[in-house]
């Protein structure tokens, strides 16, 4: 079915596809991202919560579409860059258009305890862990 080179090329293609879908490095506590690109993100975790920061200046706050379904966080939005009429660009690196990022979350996230804020071009999504998953101190009688 595959020659030696063909099999190697096929495995490399599958690896690249997996890295494109899940990222090249494992995320802490089972958090995985579906893609890289805009906006760049930072993800941090503590015993109480997971914090996801999206660096996206210039997004209309009303355009954010944030949802959680089946332990997948989905964040979408749209950013329009204002261009001078009649100007021509030799290089245009600033992202313009619609975007979507998705993250597979740990099982202990409580979907009822999620909040988001957008300030100074940074969207902060705070996801709290379920009370039952937090460490509990047990007294000895």
Foldseek 3Di string as FASTA:
>chain_A
DADPVRVVVVVVVVLVCCCQQFNDDQDPQRKTKGHDDAFDWDWDDDLWWIKIKTQAPQWDPVFWDWDADPQKIKIKGFHADDDDPPDDDPDDDDDGTIDMMMMRHHPQWDRVDWDWDADPRMIMIITTGHPVSHDDDDDDD
